[in-house]
Amino acid sequence: MENYSFLRQLADSWGLLVMFLIFVGIIFWAFRPGSRKTYEDTANIPFRHEDRPATREEDGK
């Protein structure tokens, strides 16, 4: 049981800290300066060809 108790304490303390740091890192990555253009471009994909379907030449494939 000694191993279990040690691993349980480790997960309760350091595991929580690691998960919190990962969460903060993801939030920072999503809201980092300079990412606005990337997200706006991605958000406007459905509206690029409103009047007609896109062709392969226009998509760049």
PDB file of N, CA and C in Angstrom:
ATOM      1  N   MET A   1       0.811  -1.213   0.000  1.00  0.00           N
ATOM      2  CA  MET A   1       0.000   0.000   0.000  1.00  0.00           C
ATOM      3  C   MET A   1       0.843   1.260   0.000  1.00  0.00           C
ATOM      4  N   GLU A   2       2.119   1.139   0.351  1.00  0.00           N
ATOM      5  CA  GLU A   2       2.984   2.329   0.401  1.00  0.00           C
ATOM      6  C   GLU A   2       3.103   2.975  -0.980  1.00  0.00           C
ATOM      7  N   ASN A   3       3.230   2.157  -1.985  1.00  0.00           N
ATOM      8  CA  ASN A   3       3.326   2.667  -3.350  1.00  0.00           C
ATOM      9  C   ASN A   3       2.056   3.410  -3.754  1.00  0.00           C
ATOM     10  N   TYR A   4       0.928   2.831  -3.439  1.00  0.00           N
ATOM     11  CA  TYR A   4      -0.352   3.447  -3.774  1.00  0.00           C
ATOM     12  C   TYR A   4      -0.511   4.803  -3.093  1.00  0.00           C
ATOM     13  N   SER A   5      -0.174   4.895  -1.830  1.00  0.00           N
ATOM     14  CA  SER A   5      -0.307   6.153  -1.089  1.00  0.00           C
ATOM     15  C   SER A   5       0.587   7.231  -1.676  1.00  0.00           C
ATOM     16  N   PHE A   6       1.807   6.860  -2.026  1.00  0.00           N
ATOM     17  CA  PHE A   6       2.728   7.826  -2.625  1.00  0.00           C
ATOM     18  C   PHE A   6       2.208   8.334  -3.966  1.00  0.00           C
ATOM     19  N   LEU A   7       1.770   7.413  -4.805  1.00  0.00           N
ATOM     20  CA  LEU A   7       1.264   7.812  -6.117  1.00  0.00           C
ATOM     21  C   LEU A   7      -0.011   8.642  -5.992  1.00  0.00           C
ATOM     22  N   ARG A   8      -0.838   8.325  -5.021  1.00  0.00           N
ATOM     23  CA  ARG A   8      -2.066   9.093  -4.803  1.00  0.00           C
ATOM     24  C   ARG A   8      -1.746  10.536  -4.372  1.00  0.00           C
ATOM     25  N   GLN A   9      -0.787  10.697  -3.471  1.00  0.00           N
ATOM     26  CA  GLN A   9      -0.385  12.041  -3.041  1.00  0.00           C
ATOM     27  C   GLN A   9       0.243  12.808  -4.194  1.00  0.00           C
ATOM     28  N   LEU A  10       1.045  12.136  -4.976  1.00  0.00           N
ATOM     29  CA  LEU A  10       1.689  12.772  -6.127  1.00  0.00           C
ATOM     30  C   LEU A  10       0.647  13.263  -7.127  1.00  0.00           C
ATOM     31  N   ALA A  11      -0.339  12.439  -7.408  1.00  0.00           N
ATOM     32  CA  ALA A  11      -1.387  12.809  -8.358  1.00  0.00           C
ATOM     33  C   ALA A  11      -2.250  13.942  -7.808  1.00  0.00           C
ATOM     34  N   ASP A  12      -2.516  13.931  -6.512  1.00  0.00           N
ATOM     35  CA  ASP A  12      -3.354  14.974  -5.913  1.00  0.00           C
ATOM     36  C   ASP A  12      -2.669  16.334  -5.915  1.00  0.00           C
ATOM     37  N   SER A  13      -1.374  16.369  -5.736  1.00  0.00           N
ATOM     38  CA  SER A  13      -0.692  17.655  -5.631  1.00  0.00           C
ATOM     39  C   SER A  13      -0.077  18.080  -6.966  1.00  0.00           C
ATOM     40  N   TRP A  14       0.913  17.342  -7.435  1.00  0.00           N
ATOM     41  CA  TRP A  14       1.613  17.730  -8.654  1.00  0.00           C
ATOM     42  C   TRP A  14       0.775  17.503  -9.909  1.00  0.00           C
ATOM     43  N   GLY A  15      -0.068  16.515  -9.882  1.00  0.00           N
ATOM     44  CA  GLY A  15      -0.936  16.274 -11.038  1.00  0.00           C
ATOM     45  C   GLY A  15      -1.877  17.434 -11.286  1.00  0.00           C
ATOM     46  N   LEU A  16      -2.432  17.967 -10.214  1.00  0.00           N
ATOM     47  CA  LEU A  16      -3.308  19.129 -10.336  1.00  0.00           C
ATOM     48  C   LEU A  16      -2.546  20.329 -10.868  1.00  0.00           C
ATOM     49  N   LEU A  17      -1.340  20.531 -10.376  1.00  0.00           N
ATOM     50  CA  LEU A  17      -0.521  21.658 -10.840  1.00  0.00           C
ATOM     51  C   LEU A  17      -0.188  21.521 -12.326  1.00  0.00           C
ATOM     52  N   VAL A  18       0.179  20.330 -12.750  1.00  0.00           N
ATOM     53  CA  VAL A  18       0.512  20.096 -14.162  1.00  0.00           C
ATOM     54  C   VAL A  18      -0.710  20.330 -15.044  1.00  0.00           C
ATOM     55  N   MET A  19      -1.866  19.817 -14.649  1.00  0.00           N
ATOM     56  CA  MET A  19      -3.082  20.018 -15.449  1.00  0.00           C
ATOM     57  C   MET A  19      -3.461  21.497 -15.520  1.00  0.00           C
ATOM     58  N   PHE A  20      -3.285  22.230 -14.424  1.00  0.00           N
ATOM     59  CA  PHE A  20      -3.583  23.654 -14.427  1.00  0.00           C
ATOM     60  C   PHE A  20      -2.640  24.403 -15.359  1.00  0.00           C
ATOM     61  N   LEU A  21      -1.356  24.069 -15.342  1.00  0.00           N
ATOM     62  CA  LEU A  21      -0.394  24.723 -16.234  1.00  0.00           C
ATOM     63  C   LEU A  21      -0.681  24.416 -17.703  1.00  0.00           C
ATOM     64  N   ILE A  22      -1.101  23.205 -17.992  1.00  0.00           N
ATOM     65  CA  ILE A  22      -1.488  22.864 -19.366  1.00  0.00           C
ATOM     66  C   ILE A  22      -2.705  23.674 -19.789  1.00  0.00           C
ATOM     67  N   PHE A  23      -3.676  23.817 -18.894  1.00  0.00           N
ATOM     68  CA  PHE A  23      -4.863  24.609 -19.183  1.00  0.00           C
ATOM     69  C   PHE A  23      -4.497  26.063 -19.469  1.00  0.00           C
ATOM     70  N   VAL A  24      -3.649  26.657 -18.639  1.00  0.00           N
ATOM     71  CA  VAL A  24      -3.228  28.048 -18.840  1.00  0.00           C
ATOM     72  C   VAL A  24      -2.464  28.181 -20.154  1.00  0.00           C
ATOM     73  N   GLY A  25      -1.641  27.199 -20.486  1.00  0.00           N
ATOM     74  CA  GLY A  25      -0.912  27.221 -21.750  1.00  0.00           C
ATOM     75  C   GLY A  25      -1.833  27.187 -22.954  1.00  0.00           C
ATOM     76  N   ILE A  26      -2.871  26.380 -22.896  1.00  0.00           N
ATOM     77  CA  ILE A  26      -3.831  26.302 -24.002  1.00  0.00           C
ATOM     78  C   ILE A  26      -4.589  27.618 -24.144  1.00  0.00           C
ATOM     79  N   ILE A  27      -4.986  28.203 -23.025  1.00  0.00           N
ATOM     80  CA  ILE A  27      -5.681  29.495 -23.074  1.00  0.00           C
ATOM     81  C   ILE A  27      -4.770  30.561 -23.661  1.00  0.00           C
ATOM     82  N   PHE A  28      -3.516  30.591 -23.231  1.00  0.00           N
ATOM     83  CA  PHE A  28      -2.573  31.567 -23.785  1.00  0.00           C
ATOM     84  C   PHE A  28      -2.382  31.350 -25.281  1.00  0.00           C
ATOM     85  N   TRP A  29      -2.287  30.089 -25.711  1.00  0.00           N
ATOM     86  CA  TRP A  29      -2.080  29.791 -27.130  1.00  0.00           C
ATOM     87  C   TRP A  29      -3.277  30.275 -27.966  1.00  0.00           C
ATOM     88  N   ALA A  30      -4.477  30.100 -27.449  1.00  0.00           N
ATOM     89  CA  ALA A  30      -5.670  30.500 -28.202  1.00  0.00           C
ATOM     90  C   ALA A  30      -5.811  32.017 -28.280  1.00  0.00           C
ATOM     91  N   PHE A  31      -5.419  32.726 -27.235  1.00  0.00           N
ATOM     92  CA  PHE A  31      -5.583  34.177 -27.194  1.00  0.00           C
ATOM     93  C   PHE A  31      -4.267  34.930 -27.341  1.00  0.00           C
ATOM     94  N   ARG A  32      -3.253  34.299 -27.900  1.00  0.00           N
ATOM     95  CA  ARG A  32      -1.955  34.948 -28.034  1.00  0.00           C
ATOM     96  C   ARG A  32      -2.025  36.098 -29.037  1.00  0.00           C
ATOM     97  N   PRO A  33      -1.156  37.080 -28.858  1.00  0.00           N
ATOM     98  CA  PRO A  33      -1.135  38.201 -29.810  1.00  0.00           C
ATOM     99  C   PRO A  33      -0.751  37.707 -31.208  1.00  0.00           C
ATOM    100  N   GLY A  34      -1.391  38.242 -32.199  1.00  0.00           N
ATOM    101  CA  GLY A  34      -1.074  37.873 -33.569  1.00  0.00           C
ATOM    102  C   GLY A  34      -1.869  36.709 -34.120  1.00  0.00           C
ATOM    103  N   SER A  35      -2.699  36.077 -33.339  1.00  0.00           N
ATOM    104  CA  SER A  35      -3.453  34.930 -33.843  1.00  0.00           C
ATOM    105  C   SER A  35      -4.818  35.330 -34.384  1.00  0.00           C
ATOM    106  N   ARG A  36      -5.178  36.588 -34.251  1.00  0.00           N
ATOM    107  CA  ARG A  36      -6.504  37.043 -34.680  1.00  0.00           C
ATOM    108  C   ARG A  36      -6.721  36.796 -36.180  1.00  0.00           C
ATOM    109  N   LYS A  37      -5.720  37.106 -37.023  1.00  0.00           N
ATOM    110  CA  LYS A  37      -5.877  36.928 -38.465  1.00  0.00           C
ATOM    111  C   LYS A  37      -6.114  35.454 -38.818  1.00  0.00           C
ATOM    112  N   THR A  38      -5.404  34.578 -38.176  1.00  0.00           N
ATOM    113  CA  THR A  38      -5.568  33.148 -38.436  1.00  0.00           C
ATOM    114  C   THR A  38      -6.980  32.686 -38.108  1.00  0.00           C
ATOM    115  N   TYR A  39      -7.480  33.101 -36.949  1.00  0.00           N
ATOM    116  CA  TYR A  39      -8.815  32.668 -36.533  1.00  0.00           C
ATOM    117  C   TYR A  39      -9.907  33.332 -37.367  1.00  0.00           C
ATOM    118  N   GLU A  40      -9.721  34.588 -37.769  1.00  0.00           N
ATOM    119  CA  GLU A  40     -10.710  35.240 -38.631  1.00  0.00           C
ATOM    120  C   GLU A  40     -10.755  34.573 -39.994  1.00  0.00           C
ATOM    121  N   ASP A  41      -9.595  34.220 -40.534  1.00  0.00           N
ATOM    122  CA  ASP A  41      -9.556  33.531 -41.827  1.00  0.00           C
ATOM    123  C   ASP A  41     -10.257  32.182 -41.744  1.00  0.00           C
ATOM    124  N   THR A  42     -10.017  31.454 -40.696  1.00  0.00           N
ATOM    125  CA  THR A  42     -10.671  30.154 -40.511  1.00  0.00           C
ATOM    126  C   THR A  42     -12.176  30.305 -40.326  1.00  0.00           C
ATOM    127  N   ALA A  43     -12.596  31.324 -39.597  1.00  0.00           N
ATOM    128  CA  ALA A  43     -14.018  31.529 -39.347  1.00  0.00           C
ATOM    129  C   ALA A  43     -14.772  31.920 -40.620  1.00  0.00           C
ATOM    130  N   ASN A  44     -14.091  32.516 -41.591  1.00  0.00           N
ATOM    131  CA  ASN A  44     -14.754  32.985 -42.808  1.00  0.00           C
ATOM    132  C   ASN A  44     -14.726  31.973 -43.942  1.00  0.00           C
ATOM    133  N   ILE A  45     -14.231  30.790 -43.720  1.00  0.00           N
ATOM    134  CA  ILE A  45     -14.179  29.763 -44.770  1.00  0.00           C
ATOM    135  C   ILE A  45     -15.559  29.496 -45.389  1.00  0.00           C
ATOM    136  N   PRO A  46     -16.637  29.352 -44.625  1.00  0.00           N
ATOM    137  CA  PRO A  46     -17.935  29.063 -45.243  1.00  0.00           C
ATOM    138  C   PRO A  46     -18.472  30.196 -46.120  1.00  0.00           C
ATOM    139  N   PHE A  47     -17.969  31.390 -45.967  1.00  0.00           N
ATOM    140  CA  PHE A  47     -18.502  32.545 -46.702  1.00  0.00           C
ATOM    141  C   PHE A  47     -17.654  32.954 -47.893  1.00  0.00           C
ATOM    142  N   ARG A  48     -16.640  32.205 -48.239  1.00  0.00           N
ATOM    143  CA  ARG A  48     -15.745  32.591 -49.332  1.00  0.00           C
ATOM    144  C   ARG A  48     -16.424  32.537 -50.690  1.00  0.00           C
ATOM    145  N   HIS A  49     -17.272  31.556 -50.914  1.00  0.00           N
ATOM    146  CA  HIS A  49     -17.912  31.370 -52.223  1.00  0.00           C
ATOM    147  C   HIS A  49     -19.417  31.391 -52.023  1.00  0.00           C
ATOM    148  N   GLU A  50     -19.961  32.551 -51.770  1.00  0.00           N
ATOM    149  CA  GLU A  50     -21.395  32.646 -51.509  1.00  0.00           C
ATOM    150  C   GLU A  50     -22.232  32.454 -52.759  1.00  0.00           C
ATOM    151  N   ASP A  51     -21.751  32.922 -53.912  1.00  0.00           N
ATOM    152  CA  ASP A  51     -22.571  32.888 -55.124  1.00  0.00           C
ATOM    153  C   ASP A  51     -22.458  31.585 -55.911  1.00  0.00           C
ATOM    154  N   ARG A  52     -21.374  30.834 -55.748  1.00  0.00           N
ATOM    155  CA  ARG A  52     -21.207  29.583 -56.483  1.00  0.00           C
ATOM    156  C   ARG A  52     -20.258  28.671 -55.712  1.00  0.00           C
ATOM    157  N   PRO A  53     -20.317  27.379 -55.971  1.00  0.00           N
ATOM    158  CA  PRO A  53     -19.398  26.455 -55.295  1.00  0.00           C
ATOM    159  C   PRO A  53     -17.953  26.702 -55.729  1.00  0.00           C
ATOM    160  N   ALA A  54     -17.047  26.377 -54.886  1.00  0.00           N
ATOM    161  CA  ALA A  54     -15.631  26.549 -55.198  1.00  0.00           C
ATOM    162  C   ALA A  54     -15.184  25.466 -56.167  1.00  0.00           C
ATOM    163  N   THR A  55     -14.222  25.808 -57.015  1.00  0.00           N
ATOM    164  CA  THR A  55     -13.605  24.832 -57.913  1.00  0.00           C
ATOM    165  C   THR A  55     -12.247  24.442 -57.332  1.00  0.00           C
ATOM    166  N   ARG A  56     -11.679  23.381 -57.883  1.00  0.00           N
ATOM    167  CA  ARG A  56     -10.380  22.920 -57.358  1.00  0.00           C
ATOM    168  C   ARG A  56      -9.291  23.982 -57.580  1.00  0.00           C
ATOM    169  N   GLU A  57      -9.331  24.710 -58.669  1.00  0.00           N
ATOM    170  CA  GLU A  57      -8.309  25.726 -58.951  1.00  0.00           C
ATOM    171  C   GLU A  57      -8.373  26.863 -57.939  1.00  0.00           C
ATOM    172  N   GLU A  58      -9.568  27.226 -57.501  1.00  0.00           N
ATOM    173  CA  GLU A  58      -9.731  28.316 -56.550  1.00  0.00           C
ATOM    174  C   GLU A  58      -9.315  27.912 -55.137  1.00  0.00           C
ATOM    175  N   ASP A  59      -9.444  26.628 -54.824  1.00  0.00           N
ATOM    176  CA  ASP A  59      -9.058  26.150 -53.497  1.00  0.00           C
ATOM    177  C   ASP A  59      -7.566  25.976 -53.351  1.00  0.00           C
ATOM    178  N   GLY A  60      -6.844  25.973 -54.460  1.00  0.00           N
ATOM    179  CA  GLY A  60      -5.408  25.808 -54.413  1.00  0.00           C
ATOM    180  C   GLY A  60      -4.959  24.370 -54.296  1.00  0.00           C
ATOM    181  N   LYS A  61      -5.795  23.446 -54.666  1.00  0.00           N
ATOM    182  CA  LYS A  61      -5.420  22.030 -54.587  1.00  0.00           C
ATOM    183  C   LYS A  61      -4.986  21.523 -55.929  1.00  0.00           C
TER     184      LYS A  61
END
